[in-house]
N, C-alpha and C. Protein backbone atom coordinates (compact mmCIF):
# COMPACT_ATOMS: atom_id res chain seq x y z
N MET A 1 0.85 -1.17 0.00
CA MET A 1 0.00 0.00 0.00
C MET A 1 0.90 1.24 0.00
N ARG A 2 0.46 2.26 -0.73
CA ARG A 2 1.22 3.51 -0.80
C ARG A 2 0.48 4.61 -0.08
N LYS A 3 1.22 5.60 0.36
CA LYS A 3 0.62 6.75 1.01
C LYS A 3 0.70 7.94 0.06
N ILE A 4 -0.42 8.69 -0.04
CA ILE A 4 -0.42 9.91 -0.84
C ILE A 4 -0.89 11.06 0.06
N SER A 5 -0.63 12.25 -0.39
CA SER A 5 -1.03 13.43 0.38
C SER A 5 -1.90 14.30 -0.51
N VAL A 6 -2.99 14.82 0.07
CA VAL A 6 -3.91 15.67 -0.69
C VAL A 6 -4.21 16.92 0.14
N MET A 7 -4.30 18.05 -0.55
CA MET A 7 -4.69 19.29 0.10
C MET A 7 -6.19 19.49 -0.14
N VAL A 8 -6.94 19.76 0.93
CA VAL A 8 -8.37 20.04 0.82
C VAL A 8 -8.68 21.31 1.61
N ASN A 9 -9.75 21.98 1.22
CA ASN A 9 -10.12 23.18 1.98
C ASN A 9 -10.74 22.77 3.31
N ASP A 10 -10.89 23.76 4.18
CA ASP A 10 -11.40 23.49 5.54
C ASP A 10 -12.79 22.87 5.53
N ASP A 11 -13.66 23.35 4.62
CA ASP A 11 -15.02 22.83 4.55
C ASP A 11 -15.02 21.34 4.23
N LEU A 12 -14.24 20.94 3.23
CA LEU A 12 -14.18 19.52 2.86
C LEU A 12 -13.55 18.70 3.98
N GLN A 13 -12.52 19.23 4.62
CA GLN A 13 -11.89 18.54 5.74
C GLN A 13 -12.91 18.27 6.85
N ASN A 14 -13.70 19.28 7.16
CA ASN A 14 -14.72 19.11 8.22
C ASN A 14 -15.75 18.05 7.84
N LYS A 15 -16.17 18.05 6.57
CA LYS A 15 -17.14 17.05 6.12
C LYS A 15 -16.56 15.65 6.21
N ILE A 16 -15.31 15.49 5.81
CA ILE A 16 -14.66 14.18 5.86
C ILE A 16 -14.56 13.71 7.32
N GLU A 17 -14.19 14.62 8.19
CA GLU A 17 -14.06 14.25 9.61
C GLU A 17 -15.41 13.84 10.21
N LYS A 18 -16.49 14.53 9.84
CA LYS A 18 -17.82 14.17 10.33
C LYS A 18 -18.23 12.79 9.82
N ILE A 19 -17.97 12.54 8.55
CA ILE A 19 -18.30 11.23 7.98
C ILE A 19 -17.50 10.13 8.68
N ALA A 20 -16.22 10.39 8.91
CA ALA A 20 -15.37 9.41 9.58
C ALA A 20 -15.90 9.12 10.98
N GLN A 21 -16.26 10.17 11.69
CA GLN A 21 -16.75 9.99 13.05
C GLN A 21 -18.06 9.20 13.06
N LYS A 22 -19.00 9.56 12.18
CA LYS A 22 -20.29 8.87 12.14
C LYS A 22 -20.15 7.42 11.70
N SER A 23 -19.20 7.15 10.82
CA SER A 23 -19.07 5.79 10.28
C SER A 23 -18.14 4.91 11.12
N GLY A 24 -17.41 5.52 12.05
CA GLY A 24 -16.48 4.74 12.85
C GLY A 24 -15.20 4.38 12.11
N ARG A 25 -14.97 5.05 11.01
CA ARG A 25 -13.75 4.83 10.22
C ARG A 25 -12.78 5.97 10.45
N SER A 26 -11.55 5.77 10.02
CA SER A 26 -10.57 6.85 10.08
C SER A 26 -10.77 7.77 8.88
N VAL A 27 -10.23 8.98 8.99
CA VAL A 27 -10.28 9.92 7.87
C VAL A 27 -9.58 9.29 6.67
N ASP A 28 -8.44 8.65 6.88
CA ASP A 28 -7.71 7.99 5.80
C ASP A 28 -8.58 6.95 5.09
N ASP A 29 -9.31 6.16 5.88
CA ASP A 29 -10.18 5.14 5.28
C ASP A 29 -11.29 5.78 4.45
N CYS A 30 -11.88 6.85 4.96
CA CYS A 30 -12.96 7.53 4.23
C CYS A 30 -12.45 8.12 2.92
N VAL A 31 -11.29 8.73 2.95
CA VAL A 31 -10.72 9.31 1.72
C VAL A 31 -10.38 8.20 0.73
N ALA A 32 -9.81 7.10 1.22
CA ALA A 32 -9.47 5.99 0.33
C ALA A 32 -10.73 5.40 -0.30
N LEU A 33 -11.80 5.24 0.47
CA LEU A 33 -13.07 4.73 -0.07
C LEU A 33 -13.64 5.69 -1.12
N ALA A 34 -13.59 6.99 -0.83
CA ALA A 34 -14.11 7.98 -1.77
C ALA A 34 -13.32 7.95 -3.08
N LEU A 35 -12.02 7.84 -2.99
CA LEU A 35 -11.18 7.76 -4.19
C LEU A 35 -11.47 6.49 -4.98
N ARG A 36 -11.62 5.39 -4.27
CA ARG A 36 -11.93 4.13 -4.95
C ARG A 36 -13.25 4.22 -5.71
N ASP A 37 -14.27 4.76 -5.04
CA ASP A 37 -15.57 4.92 -5.70
C ASP A 37 -15.49 5.85 -6.90
N TYR A 38 -14.76 6.95 -6.76
CA TYR A 38 -14.60 7.90 -7.86
C TYR A 38 -13.94 7.21 -9.05
N ILE A 39 -12.89 6.47 -8.79
CA ILE A 39 -12.16 5.81 -9.88
C ILE A 39 -13.02 4.73 -10.53
N GLU A 40 -13.75 3.96 -9.74
CA GLU A 40 -14.64 2.95 -10.32
C GLU A 40 -15.70 3.59 -11.21
N ASN A 41 -16.29 4.70 -10.76
CA ASN A 41 -17.28 5.41 -11.58
C ASN A 41 -16.65 5.96 -12.85
N TYR A 42 -15.48 6.52 -12.73
CA TYR A 42 -14.75 7.07 -13.88
C TYR A 42 -14.48 5.97 -14.91
N GLU A 43 -14.01 4.84 -14.41
CA GLU A 43 -13.72 3.72 -15.33
C GLU A 43 -14.99 3.22 -16.00
N ASP A 44 -16.09 3.13 -15.26
CA ASP A 44 -17.36 2.69 -15.84
C ASP A 44 -17.81 3.63 -16.95
N ILE A 45 -17.67 4.93 -16.72
CA ILE A 45 -18.07 5.91 -17.72
C ILE A 45 -17.26 5.76 -18.99
N TYR A 46 -15.96 5.61 -18.84
CA TYR A 46 -15.11 5.56 -20.03
C TYR A 46 -15.06 4.20 -20.68
N LYS A 47 -15.66 3.20 -20.04
CA LYS A 47 -15.83 1.91 -20.73
C LYS A 47 -16.95 2.01 -21.75
N THR A 48 -17.85 2.98 -21.53
CA THR A 48 -18.93 3.22 -22.48
C THR A 48 -18.32 3.74 -23.78
N ASP A 49 -18.78 3.24 -24.87
CA ASP A 49 -18.28 3.71 -26.17
C ASP A 49 -18.85 5.10 -26.43
N LEU A 50 -18.03 6.12 -26.16
CA LEU A 50 -18.51 7.49 -26.31
C LEU A 50 -18.80 7.84 -27.76
N CYS A 51 -18.28 7.09 -28.69
CA CYS A 51 -18.58 7.36 -30.10
C CYS A 51 -20.01 6.93 -30.44
N ALA A 52 -20.59 6.08 -29.63
CA ALA A 52 -21.91 5.54 -29.93
C ALA A 52 -23.04 6.36 -29.31
N VAL A 53 -22.70 7.36 -28.49
CA VAL A 53 -23.73 8.16 -27.86
C VAL A 53 -23.76 9.55 -28.47
N ASP A 54 -24.92 10.19 -28.40
CA ASP A 54 -25.01 11.53 -29.00
C ASP A 54 -24.38 12.56 -28.07
N ASN A 55 -24.30 13.81 -28.53
CA ASN A 55 -23.62 14.86 -27.79
C ASN A 55 -24.22 15.11 -26.41
N LEU A 56 -25.53 15.07 -26.30
CA LEU A 56 -26.18 15.30 -25.01
C LEU A 56 -25.78 14.21 -24.01
N GLU A 57 -25.86 12.96 -24.44
CA GLU A 57 -25.46 11.86 -23.56
C GLU A 57 -23.99 11.96 -23.21
N ARG A 58 -23.15 12.31 -24.17
CA ARG A 58 -21.72 12.42 -23.93
C ARG A 58 -21.45 13.48 -22.87
N SER A 59 -22.08 14.64 -22.96
CA SER A 59 -21.84 15.68 -21.97
C SER A 59 -22.33 15.24 -20.60
N PHE A 60 -23.41 14.48 -20.53
CA PHE A 60 -23.89 13.96 -19.26
C PHE A 60 -22.88 13.01 -18.64
N PHE A 61 -22.40 12.04 -19.43
CA PHE A 61 -21.42 11.08 -18.91
C PHE A 61 -20.17 11.78 -18.44
N LEU A 62 -19.70 12.74 -19.18
CA LEU A 62 -18.47 13.44 -18.82
C LEU A 62 -18.67 14.30 -17.58
N SER A 63 -19.84 14.92 -17.45
CA SER A 63 -20.06 15.79 -16.28
C SER A 63 -20.13 15.00 -14.99
N ILE A 64 -20.66 13.79 -15.00
CA ILE A 64 -20.72 13.02 -13.74
C ILE A 64 -19.39 12.38 -13.42
N GLY A 65 -18.48 12.34 -14.38
CA GLY A 65 -17.16 11.77 -14.13
C GLY A 65 -16.17 12.79 -13.61
N GLU A 66 -16.56 14.04 -13.56
CA GLU A 66 -15.62 15.09 -13.10
C GLU A 66 -15.69 15.29 -11.63
C-alpha cells in the first residue's frame, strides 16, 4: 500500500471528519473509499463507447465523471 497526500479546503476537511466519526472509520479510510468509488465510476463511464452516444449523452457522462 502507498501513502499519498492531498490538500483540501477546511469545509471539505470538516465534512470528511464528520463522515469518519459517524461511520467509525478513520479519515484515511474515508478518503481511500471515496477515491476508490470515484475511480470505479470514472472507469465505468469511459468503458462506455462514447462514439456511440449523442452529444447530449456524452456531456452527461463526462459531467458526472468530473
